[in-house]
Each structure stands twice: as C-alpha cells, then as structure tokens.
C-alpha cells in the first residue's frame, strides 16, 4: 500500500493484480475505484552449446521460455564483439582459449532477460590420412594410414560401396575397378564431439608381377 498521490510499486511475481485507489476529501468524503493490471513475466533465458571445435561452427540453441507468453526476439553476443540474430544460430570458432556467449531475449510484451556462458576451445582437430603412393593394385589389400589424433572414432568410405570403422583399415578394390579413380573419405570424431572430414583420390591399376619365383 501507499499514501503517495502517484506511487511506484514493484511486483515480485507475474499475473493479474487488482489495484484499488481510495480518495478522501477535506470533508471526509471518500470514493474508491478498482482496476486490474497484468504484470508480465521476464523471459527465463537459457541456451545450450554444441561441441566447440577450432575452425568449425559451434551451435547455439535457444532454450528460453516465457511464462504465459512467447519469445519475440533474440540477440547473441560472442566475446563482446560479434553479434548474431535469430532464435537459434551457429558461430565459427576461430581462436583457441576461453570464449564467451551472451544471450539477450525479449518477450512479446517487451520484457528482457539475459544470460551468458563461458566455454574453452583447447585443441585443434583435423581428420587426415595417407594413401602414399596414391596408386593401388586391383585385387591387392591396401592399408590406409590414419594420421588423425589417436583415440578418435573413424568412418571410412572407399568409393566402391565399401566402408569401415577401423582406425587404419585395409581395403581391397576388385579387378572390375581397374583404371578407375576412387574418392576415399574419412570422417573422424573425437571425444569432445568435434568432427572433421578428409577426402583424397586414389588410382586403381592392374596388378603387375615384376618377379615370379616358381
């Protein structure tokens, strides 16, 4: 309550409130008027981050809610310099070390909320493999050397319909692929959830015998 002519009041929670004004004059005559006011809720601002990997995009998923309302607009601020708009977004990680993400949200009624998170980018992760010398004999097993960080998960496709989940697989191209250029792809995933892809071409040739001993 208040005895001020034009008071200010802060409501601790949202919802419909009933406000009554009673006025008394010098002759002790009084009158009362009552009105309802709706107190809007602030957004409960929150978000989820995807895997933070150097030279790749980290996903920004807005999980904010507004009691008895909806989110109207969203602003993301990365390291207090980069700004992104939209309910959900993604940001290209271009440096190692600690990063900051700030999320500002506004409800349909104009109420604002904000939150922030810090995350660390601690390592470079690049999928890579060797196919030296780049020419593979048809019908002969060939070992692909995976040079990605040890401990990562690998998925290979060899261009002939074959695939493998071995770290450094051995694959044999049938003679029907002789004189074909095959595209080999490695998709690697580390324990932090970072993913990268590497692709190379190899040439399949007819197996030749240089020396044969009976």
Protein backbone atom coordinates (compact mmCIF):
# COMPACT_ATOMS: atom_id res chain seq x y z
CA UNK A 1 0.00 0.00 0.00
CA UNK A 2 0.96 3.65 -0.37
CA UNK A 3 -0.33 7.11 0.60
CA UNK A 4 1.50 8.87 -2.24
CA UNK A 5 -0.53 10.59 -4.94
CA UNK A 6 1.37 8.85 -7.77
CA UNK A 7 3.19 5.87 -6.25
CA UNK A 8 5.53 3.34 -7.81
CA UNK A 9 5.36 -0.35 -7.00
CA UNK A 10 7.41 -3.43 -7.94
CA UNK A 11 5.58 -6.74 -8.17
CA UNK A 12 7.58 -9.81 -7.09
CA UNK A 13 5.71 -12.13 -9.47
CA UNK A 14 3.66 -12.06 -12.64
CA UNK A 15 -0.08 -12.39 -13.14
CA UNK A 16 -3.26 -10.29 -12.97
CA UNK A 17 -3.27 -7.91 -10.00
CA UNK A 18 -6.14 -5.88 -8.55
CA UNK A 19 -5.30 -2.27 -7.71
CA UNK A 20 -7.62 -0.10 -5.62
CA UNK A 21 -7.42 3.69 -5.22
CA UNK A 22 -9.28 5.35 -2.37
CA UNK A 23 -9.51 9.15 -2.29
CA UNK A 24 -10.79 11.23 0.65
CA UNK A 25 -11.52 14.96 0.51
CA UNK A 26 -11.38 17.65 3.20
CA UNK A 27 -14.96 16.88 4.26
CA UNK A 28 -14.11 13.23 4.92
CA UNK A 29 -15.99 12.07 1.86
CA UNK A 30 -14.31 9.14 0.16
CA UNK A 31 -14.61 7.11 -3.01
CA UNK A 32 -12.84 4.02 -4.29
CA UNK A 33 -12.02 2.75 -7.78
CA UNK A 34 -10.56 -0.66 -8.61
CA UNK A 35 -8.78 -1.79 -11.77
CA UNK A 36 -6.94 -4.89 -12.86
CA UNK A 37 -3.39 -4.70 -14.19
CA UNK A 38 -1.49 -7.54 -15.83
CA UNK A 39 2.10 -8.00 -14.69
CA UNK A 40 4.14 -9.66 -17.42
CA UNK A 41 6.89 -12.21 -16.76
CA UNK A 42 10.55 -11.82 -17.65
CA UNK A 43 11.96 -14.42 -20.04
CA UNK A 44 13.67 -17.36 -18.37
CA UNK A 45 16.75 -17.08 -20.56
CA UNK A 46 18.88 -20.18 -21.24
CA UNK A 47 20.70 -21.87 -24.10
CA UNK A 48 22.66 -25.00 -25.00
CA UNK A 49 26.04 -25.11 -26.73
CA UNK A 50 27.16 -27.77 -29.18
CA UNK A 51 30.70 -29.11 -29.49
CA UNK A 52 33.21 -26.25 -29.58
CA UNK A 53 35.89 -27.15 -32.11
CA UNK A 54 38.55 -24.98 -33.72
CA UNK A 55 37.74 -23.93 -37.32
CA UNK A 56 34.20 -25.31 -37.12
CA UNK A 57 30.78 -23.99 -36.12
CA UNK A 58 29.50 -24.28 -32.54
CA UNK A 59 25.70 -24.49 -32.44
CA UNK A 60 23.74 -22.07 -30.24
CA UNK A 61 20.34 -23.46 -29.27
CA UNK A 62 17.98 -21.07 -27.52
CA UNK A 63 16.02 -22.87 -24.79
CA UNK A 64 14.48 -19.72 -23.25
CA UNK A 65 10.87 -19.63 -22.12
CA UNK A 66 8.38 -17.01 -21.03
CA UNK A 67 5.65 -17.95 -18.53
CA UNK A 68 2.28 -17.13 -20.11
CA UNK A 69 3.97 -15.69 -23.19
CA UNK A 70 6.46 -16.23 -26.00
CA UNK A 71 9.94 -15.10 -27.08
CA UNK A 72 9.72 -12.26 -29.60
CA UNK A 73 13.37 -11.52 -30.46
CA UNK A 74 16.86 -12.79 -29.69
CA UNK A 75 20.37 -11.33 -29.80
CA UNK A 76 23.61 -13.29 -29.39
CA UNK A 77 26.89 -11.56 -28.49
CA UNK A 78 30.13 -13.54 -28.88
CA UNK A 79 33.20 -12.36 -26.95
CA UNK A 80 31.53 -8.94 -26.66
CA UNK A 81 32.32 -8.26 -30.33
CA UNK A 82 30.38 -10.49 -32.75
CA UNK A 83 26.57 -10.20 -32.85
CA UNK A 84 24.14 -12.78 -34.23
CA UNK A 85 20.37 -12.61 -34.61
CA UNK A 86 17.79 -15.36 -34.61
CA UNK A 87 16.27 -17.84 -32.18
CA UNK A 88 18.98 -20.47 -32.92
CA UNK A 89 22.33 -19.81 -34.50
CA UNK A 90 25.90 -21.02 -35.05
CA UNK A 91 29.29 -19.33 -34.70
CA UNK A 92 32.57 -20.17 -36.39
CA UNK A 93 35.24 -20.80 -33.74
CA UNK A 94 38.42 -19.09 -34.95
CA UNK A 95 40.64 -18.98 -31.85
CA UNK A 96 41.78 -21.20 -29.00
CA UNK A 97 41.17 -20.40 -25.34
CA UNK A 98 38.18 -19.19 -23.37
CA UNK A 99 35.17 -17.84 -25.28
CA UNK A 100 32.02 -16.10 -24.02
CA UNK A 101 28.48 -16.29 -25.34
CA UNK A 102 25.81 -13.84 -24.14
CA UNK A 103 22.13 -14.29 -24.95
CA UNK A 104 19.58 -11.45 -24.76
CA UNK A 105 15.89 -12.24 -25.22
CA UNK A 106 12.75 -10.11 -25.33
CA UNK A 107 9.20 -11.27 -24.80
CA UNK A 108 6.23 -10.18 -26.91
CA UNK A 109 5.42 -7.66 -24.16
CA UNK A 110 8.93 -6.14 -24.25
CA UNK A 111 10.30 -7.73 -21.07
CA UNK A 112 14.01 -8.52 -21.38
CA UNK A 113 16.24 -11.25 -19.98
CA UNK A 114 19.85 -12.23 -20.44
CA UNK A 115 22.37 -14.93 -19.54
CA UNK A 116 25.91 -15.90 -20.51
CA UNK A 117 28.20 -18.92 -20.66
CA UNK A 118 31.94 -19.42 -20.99
CA UNK A 119 33.50 -22.32 -22.87
CA UNK A 120 37.04 -23.39 -23.68
CA UNK A 121 38.48 -24.33 -27.05
CA UNK A 122 41.55 -26.38 -26.16
CA UNK A 123 42.64 -28.30 -29.24
CA UNK A 124 42.92 -28.43 -32.99
CA UNK A 125 41.22 -31.42 -34.58
CA UNK A 126 41.76 -32.28 -38.23
CA UNK A 127 40.97 -35.53 -39.99
CA UNK A 128 43.87 -36.71 -42.16
CA UNK A 129 45.19 -39.90 -43.72
CA UNK A 130 47.87 -41.11 -46.11
CA UNK A 131 47.36 -43.02 -49.35
CA UNK A 132 51.01 -42.96 -50.48
CA UNK A 133 51.90 -43.56 -53.28
CA UNK A 134 48.35 -42.88 -54.47
CA UNK A 135 48.18 -45.88 -56.81
CA UNK A 136 46.55 -49.10 -55.60
CA UNK A 137 46.81 -52.50 -57.26
CA UNK A 138 43.43 -54.09 -58.03
CA UNK A 139 42.80 -57.26 -56.07
CA UNK A 140 45.58 -56.49 -53.58
CA UNK A 141 44.94 -55.39 -49.94
CA UNK A 142 45.94 -51.79 -49.30
CA UNK A 143 46.46 -50.24 -45.84
CA UNK A 144 45.14 -46.70 -45.35
CA UNK A 145 47.17 -44.89 -42.68
CA UNK A 146 45.02 -42.71 -40.41
CA UNK A 147 47.08 -39.71 -39.18
CA UNK A 148 44.23 -38.12 -37.19
CA UNK A 149 44.61 -37.60 -33.41
CA UNK A 150 44.81 -41.01 -31.70
CA UNK A 151 41.66 -42.10 -29.88
CA UNK A 152 39.27 -40.58 -32.40
CA UNK A 153 36.43 -42.54 -33.98
CA UNK A 154 36.73 -43.14 -37.72
CA UNK A 155 34.29 -43.95 -40.51
CA UNK A 156 35.69 -44.62 -43.98
CA UNK A 157 34.06 -44.85 -47.39
CA UNK A 158 36.22 -46.12 -50.25
CA UNK A 159 34.22 -45.08 -53.32
CA UNK A 160 33.31 -48.61 -54.37
CA UNK A 161 30.44 -49.03 -51.91
CA UNK A 162 32.67 -50.36 -49.17
CA UNK A 163 33.10 -48.78 -45.74
CA UNK A 164 34.95 -49.40 -42.49
CA UNK A 165 35.06 -48.14 -38.89
CA UNK A 166 38.63 -49.35 -38.25
CA UNK A 167 41.08 -46.60 -37.30
CA UNK A 168 43.52 -47.55 -40.10
CA UNK A 169 41.66 -50.02 -42.33
CA UNK A 170 42.83 -52.42 -45.02
CA UNK A 171 40.72 -52.44 -48.18
CA UNK A 172 40.83 -54.36 -51.45
CA UNK A 173 39.48 -52.99 -54.73
CA UNK A 174 38.12 -55.67 -57.06
CA UNK A 175 39.61 -56.02 -60.54
CA UNK A 176 36.43 -54.53 -62.02
CA UNK A 177 37.60 -51.14 -60.70
CA UNK A 178 40.87 -51.25 -62.66
CA UNK A 179 41.83 -47.88 -64.20
CA UNK A 180 39.25 -46.11 -62.00
CA UNK A 181 39.84 -43.06 -59.84
CA UNK A 182 38.28 -43.65 -56.42
CA UNK A 183 37.41 -41.00 -53.87
CA UNK A 184 38.23 -42.07 -50.33
CA UNK A 185 36.58 -40.19 -47.45
CA UNK A 186 37.41 -40.25 -43.74
CA UNK A 187 35.00 -38.80 -41.17
CA UNK A 188 36.66 -38.51 -37.75
CA UNK A 189 35.06 -37.73 -34.38
CA UNK A 190 36.97 -37.07 -31.15
CA UNK A 191 35.92 -37.45 -27.52
CA UNK A 192 34.94 -33.76 -27.30
CA UNK A 193 32.39 -34.19 -30.09
CA UNK A 194 34.48 -32.40 -32.71
CA UNK A 195 34.07 -33.78 -36.23
CA UNK A 196 36.13 -33.30 -39.36
CA UNK A 197 36.24 -34.80 -42.85
CA UNK A 198 39.17 -35.53 -45.17
CA UNK A 199 38.95 -36.72 -48.78
CA UNK A 200 41.57 -37.99 -51.21
CA UNK A 201 41.60 -39.67 -54.62
CA UNK A 202 43.45 -42.88 -55.44
CA UNK A 203 44.05 -44.57 -58.78
CA UNK A 204 43.30 -48.30 -59.12
CA UNK A 205 45.63 -50.07 -61.57
CA UNK A 206 46.02 -53.65 -62.82
CA UNK A 207 48.30 -55.67 -60.58
CA UNK A 208 51.63 -56.28 -62.32
CA UNK A 209 54.12 -59.01 -61.45
CA UNK A 210 57.73 -57.83 -61.63
CA UNK A 211 59.31 -61.04 -60.38
CA UNK A 212 57.89 -64.50 -60.03
CA UNK A 213 59.65 -67.46 -58.48
CA UNK A 214 58.40 -70.99 -59.06
